[in-house]
Amino acid sequence: MAPLIWQKSSFSGEAANCVDVAVAPDGTLRLRESDDPDVVLTANRAGLSTLRASIRESDGVWA
């Protein structure tokens, strides 16, 4: 399996602890925190969109 190409989330700004995002060969999204890169969450685009909407509705920071 090819290694994932991680990108820093644009929502992380200049913060030291960032959220990294990668797209796996199967099309799923992988998320990890830069300070704990061994813990990786897997989500599909619909699931991530639902999470973002829930955070937005609860006055979260992620828009």
Protein backbone atom coordinates (compact mmCIF):
# COMPACT_ATOMS: atom_id res chain seq x y z
CA MET A 1 0.00 0.00 0.00
CA ALA A 2 1.33 3.43 -0.92
CA PRO A 3 2.12 5.77 1.96
CA LEU A 4 -0.47 8.43 2.69
CA ILE A 5 0.30 12.02 1.76
CA TRP A 6 -0.66 14.10 4.79
CA GLN A 7 -1.70 17.74 4.52
CA LYS A 8 -2.11 20.18 7.37
CA SER A 9 -5.70 21.34 7.73
CA SER A 10 -6.20 24.96 6.69
CA PHE A 11 -8.21 25.41 9.90
CA SER A 12 -5.10 24.73 11.99
CA GLY A 13 -3.44 28.05 11.13
CA GLU A 14 -0.06 28.46 12.79
CA ALA A 15 -0.93 26.29 15.81
CA ALA A 16 1.68 23.76 16.92
CA ASN A 17 -0.96 21.04 17.34
CA CYS A 18 -2.62 20.59 13.98
CA VAL A 19 -5.08 18.29 12.30
CA ASP A 20 -3.57 16.45 9.33
CA VAL A 21 -5.74 15.05 6.55
CA ALA A 22 -4.99 12.45 3.86
CA VAL A 23 -7.01 10.66 1.18
CA ALA A 24 -6.46 6.91 1.14
CA PRO A 25 -6.35 4.94 -2.14
CA ASP A 26 -9.89 3.66 -1.42
CA GLY A 27 -11.18 7.25 -1.26
CA THR A 28 -11.71 7.38 2.49
CA LEU A 29 -10.36 10.30 4.47
CA ARG A 30 -7.80 9.86 7.22
CA LEU A 31 -7.42 12.36 10.06
CA ARG A 32 -4.78 12.59 12.76
CA GLU A 33 -3.48 15.08 15.28
CA SER A 34 0.09 16.19 14.69
CA ASP A 35 1.05 15.60 18.33
CA ASP A 36 -0.21 11.97 18.20
CA PRO A 37 0.32 10.81 14.59
CA ASP A 38 -0.06 7.09 15.39
CA VAL A 39 -3.79 7.54 16.11
CA VAL A 40 -5.61 7.79 12.78
CA LEU A 41 -9.36 8.17 12.26
CA THR A 42 -11.03 6.99 9.07
CA ALA A 43 -14.12 8.68 7.65
CA ASN A 44 -15.95 8.90 4.38
CA ARG A 45 -16.85 12.29 2.91
CA ALA A 46 -20.48 12.06 4.03
CA GLY A 47 -19.47 11.22 7.60
CA LEU A 48 -17.01 14.11 7.76
CA SER A 49 -19.62 16.50 6.37
CA THR A 50 -22.07 15.37 9.04
CA LEU A 51 -19.46 15.89 11.75
CA ARG A 52 -18.69 19.40 10.47
CA ALA A 53 -22.40 20.28 10.38
CA SER A 54 -22.87 19.04 13.96
CA ILE A 55 -19.92 21.11 15.18
CA ARG A 56 -21.19 24.17 13.34
CA GLU A 57 -24.68 23.76 14.87
CA SER A 58 -23.20 23.53 18.36
CA ASP A 59 -21.28 26.82 17.91
CA GLY A 60 -18.02 24.94 17.34
CA VAL A 61 -15.03 26.54 15.72
CA TRP A 62 -14.75 24.31 12.65
CA ALA A 63 -16.84 25.80 9.82
